Amino acid sequence: MIAAVTPRTLVVTLSTVRPMPELAALVDNRLSSMQGVCERSMFPVRVMEVPHTNVVAAAADLLNELKNLQRAYVNLMETGRDRILQHGGTCDPVDVMEAADPFLRASKAVIAKAEGGAA
């Protein structure tokens, strides 16, 4: 079991995964994006190295946390859409936004691959 998993520690941990290049590429992309945001906002960014054996041992927990982050991301889309509509605006349906989001598509593909489905 992983203690105190936060999106930041999950991203840093997942960025060291070697057996799943798609996941590593997705995480590296998001990590680079997050580092840029942190640098522009004057927050220090420190990437910690995590031993590979720990990542393999925690693979099931990491997959579950990736699923949780994906659900949270979609929930944010739903909340944003609801607020836009409440204020009289127009917005794409959530399924359209999900399909258009490259990071969400990539995470779904990685989850499917990890669960033995088609990537």
Protein backbone atom coordinates (compact mmCIF):
# COMPACT_ATOMS: atom_id res chain seq x y z
CA MET A 1 0.00 0.00 0.00
CA ILE A 2 1.24 3.48 -0.83
CA ALA A 3 1.05 5.98 1.99
CA ALA A 4 -0.21 9.50 1.30
CA VAL A 5 -0.51 9.40 -2.48
CA THR A 6 -1.01 12.85 -3.95
CA PRO A 7 -1.20 13.73 -7.65
CA ARG A 8 2.32 15.16 -7.41
CA THR A 9 3.86 12.03 -5.82
CA LEU A 10 1.93 9.85 -8.25
CA VAL A 11 3.27 11.77 -11.24
CA VAL A 12 6.82 11.62 -9.92
CA THR A 13 6.51 7.91 -9.16
CA LEU A 14 4.89 7.05 -12.47
CA SER A 15 7.53 8.97 -14.39
CA THR A 16 10.04 6.23 -13.51
CA VAL A 17 7.96 3.33 -14.87
CA ARG A 18 10.02 1.49 -17.44
CA PRO A 19 7.81 -1.45 -18.60
CA MET A 20 5.02 0.81 -19.87
CA PRO A 21 6.48 3.37 -22.29
CA GLU A 22 3.07 4.85 -23.05
CA LEU A 23 2.46 5.61 -19.38
CA ALA A 24 5.97 6.97 -18.98
CA ALA A 25 5.51 9.23 -22.03
CA LEU A 26 2.14 10.47 -20.74
CA VAL A 27 3.54 11.17 -17.29
CA ASP A 28 6.70 12.82 -18.67
CA ASN A 29 4.52 15.12 -20.78
CA ARG A 30 2.30 16.05 -17.82
CA LEU A 31 5.32 16.41 -15.52
CA SER A 32 6.99 18.79 -17.97
CA SER A 33 3.79 20.79 -18.16
CA MET A 34 3.48 20.89 -14.36
CA GLN A 35 7.15 21.90 -13.99
CA GLY A 36 6.60 24.79 -16.40
CA VAL A 37 3.59 25.99 -14.43
CA CYS A 38 5.48 25.68 -11.15
CA GLU A 39 8.52 27.52 -12.52
CA ARG A 40 6.37 30.36 -13.83
CA SER A 41 4.61 30.61 -10.47
CA MET A 42 7.88 30.57 -8.49
CA PHE A 43 7.25 27.16 -6.83
CA PRO A 44 10.35 24.99 -6.60
CA VAL A 45 10.11 21.66 -8.43
CA ARG A 46 12.16 18.71 -7.25
CA VAL A 47 11.90 15.36 -9.03
CA MET A 48 12.73 12.48 -6.74
CA GLU A 49 14.13 9.21 -7.99
CA VAL A 50 12.10 6.18 -6.92
CA PRO A 51 13.65 2.71 -7.03
CA HIS A 52 12.17 0.66 -9.88
CA THR A 53 11.32 -2.26 -7.57
CA ASN A 54 9.03 0.00 -5.53
CA VAL A 55 7.15 1.03 -8.67
CA VAL A 56 6.62 -2.58 -9.73
CA ALA A 57 5.47 -3.53 -6.24
CA ALA A 58 3.00 -0.64 -6.23
CA ALA A 59 1.69 -1.15 -9.79
CA ALA A 60 -1.87 -2.06 -8.71
CA ASP A 61 -2.07 0.94 -6.38
CA LEU A 62 -0.67 3.23 -9.08
CA LEU A 63 -3.24 1.98 -11.60
CA ASN A 64 -6.05 2.60 -9.11
CA GLU A 65 -4.77 6.11 -8.41
CA LEU A 66 -4.54 6.81 -12.16
CA LYS A 67 -8.19 5.75 -12.45
CA ASN A 68 -9.09 8.02 -9.52
CA LEU A 69 -7.28 10.97 -11.10
CA GLN A 70 -9.07 10.29 -14.38
CA ARG A 71 -12.46 10.27 -12.63
CA ALA A 72 -11.59 13.47 -10.79
CA TYR A 73 -10.58 15.12 -14.08
CA VAL A 74 -13.90 14.17 -15.69
CA ASN A 75 -15.74 15.42 -12.59
CA LEU A 76 -14.00 18.78 -13.02
CA MET A 77 -15.15 18.88 -16.65
CA GLU A 78 -18.71 18.14 -15.55
CA THR A 79 -18.61 20.83 -12.85
CA GLY A 80 -17.17 23.38 -15.26
CA ARG A 81 -19.81 22.58 -17.87
CA ASP A 82 -22.60 22.89 -15.28
CA ARG A 83 -21.31 26.30 -14.15
CA ILE A 84 -21.04 27.55 -17.73
CA LEU A 85 -24.61 26.46 -18.45
CA GLN A 86 -25.88 27.98 -15.18
CA HIS A 87 -24.48 31.33 -16.25
CA GLY A 88 -26.20 31.16 -19.63
CA GLY A 89 -23.24 30.01 -21.70
CA THR A 90 -22.94 27.12 -24.09
CA CYS A 91 -20.57 24.21 -23.72
CA ASP A 92 -19.83 20.90 -25.41
CA PRO A 93 -21.20 17.78 -23.74
CA VAL A 94 -18.76 16.09 -21.36
CA ASP A 95 -18.37 13.04 -23.62
CA VAL A 96 -17.27 15.34 -26.47
CA MET A 97 -14.75 17.08 -24.20
CA GLU A 98 -13.47 13.70 -23.00
CA ALA A 99 -13.01 12.45 -26.55
CA ALA A 100 -11.18 15.65 -27.54
CA ASP A 101 -8.74 15.64 -24.61
CA PRO A 102 -5.45 13.97 -25.65
CA PHE A 103 -4.30 13.40 -22.07
CA LEU A 104 -7.55 11.72 -21.09
CA ARG A 105 -7.45 9.53 -24.21
CA ALA A 106 -3.87 8.56 -23.42
CA SER A 107 -4.65 7.69 -19.82
CA LYS A 108 -7.65 5.58 -20.92
CA ALA A 109 -5.42 3.71 -23.37
CA VAL A 110 -2.84 3.03 -20.68
CA ILE A 111 -5.53 1.81 -18.26
CA ALA A 112 -7.01 -0.46 -20.94
CA LYS A 113 -3.57 -1.87 -21.74
CA ALA A 114 -2.79 -2.45 -18.07
CA GLU A 115 -6.10 -4.27 -17.64
CA GLY A 116 -5.41 -6.47 -20.65
CA GLY A 117 -7.67 -4.66 -23.09
CA ALA A 118 -6.87 -3.10 -26.43
CA ALA A 119 -4.64 -0.06 -26.25
